[in-house]
């Protein structure tokens, strides 16, 4: 399971900029998805082969500057408590403040690996100003510049130093269970839905204890298909029966999404699409997970509210337009059957094999139908395509001058490939790889 780094610190010390630096390697993957919010509070990062999740607790900060620890949002404290490491950001130019001392006092009580980041330290690596931050009792401060990207790698490596990374898991077998995570903000009905599922006679739950750090998973079977439900709703065991309690944990949600094959994103029909819904949806996309959207409490809204909700989903979750939207009532057990089919279809799409000859034929037919735009002297030449991965499916296109292929043209290609292979509920990534131009080396 990916380790989680939580970034904490008082307002305006550069937490968001540091977050953007630590997750920047992932930005290009989702840059061309319309409507994807850029002010995310959580994302994926990578150093070499090591992948991790970053949580910017600044997204949960109170607006008031007074009594910062007392007023720290519950989600911030929970994220810190559940993270594997904490990066505590201070401002070297502003110096130590009472708020810094308050936060340090709080962090000493949580028993976590804490790495102190002295931000805005451009050209101040050996500055005597670093000395005063030893007062915080957090060890040696790491001078960094989030704005200029200085010191970020060594800071991240220090945060990850105590974490054992395992080698990539072997490829899943064809009969392996579908790993399913139910994600959603508090009180959308996750626990009701899961308890309804686990209470069904056709759905048999088996006992599999989770360790303190690993998420609890509940294996079960439905209509001959094996599943593993990854806990995001606070599963508790009462005797031999699992029961879900309504609980929201940012860290557990992110880890479950990263660990899942398919994510069921649960929305509340009575509340519409919130900012938190959009953030969770953005992370699902960034993680490349297959996704099904289920709108719970559909029976509790009138026709006008249903129209507003559908418009809200189309606008705020436009980047998930490939995901099927199912209307359900968990408490009344309405609409749950089609959800299972949508989950199975999404998983099948995410793991579909796409032969090279078929992909290449689709590519050449697409070019014949619509030629990519010329960029100055260059017109992209698309030659052949092959599958570069599954879950999410990746199509690699080879040719010349492919850096000039527009996002709009990539979406055009994506549409043709989706239509042919009947892909639903899964992101599809298209990578362009240009061959070397033999004339580049000539004067």
Foldseek 3Di string as FASTA:
>chain_A
DAAEEEEDEAPPLCLQLLQCLQAVVLCVQQVLQPQQDPSFQKAWGDDVPHIHIYGYQVVQFDPDRPPRVVRRDPQSVLQLLLGQEYEYEDELVVADDPRSLVVLVVNVVSPHLYAYEHEPCVVPQPPPSQVVVVVSVNPRYQYAYSVVSGRSVVSVCSRCVPPDDDPDDPDDDPQDAFEEEEDEDFPLCPQLQVCLQCPDPQWDWADDDDDPNAFDWTWIDHPRGIYIYTDQQCWDDDPGGIGGHGDHHPVSLLVSLLVGQEYEYEAELVPAQDPVSSSSLSRNVSSQHQYAYEYEPLVVDDPVSVVVRVVSCCNNVVSQPLHHYFYYYSNVGPRPVVVVVSRVLQSCLQAPADAFVNQFVLVVVLCVVPFFDADVPRGWDWGTWHWDDGSHTEIETETAPCVPGDSVVVVVSVVSVCVVVVHGRGDYHYHYDYDDDPCPPPD
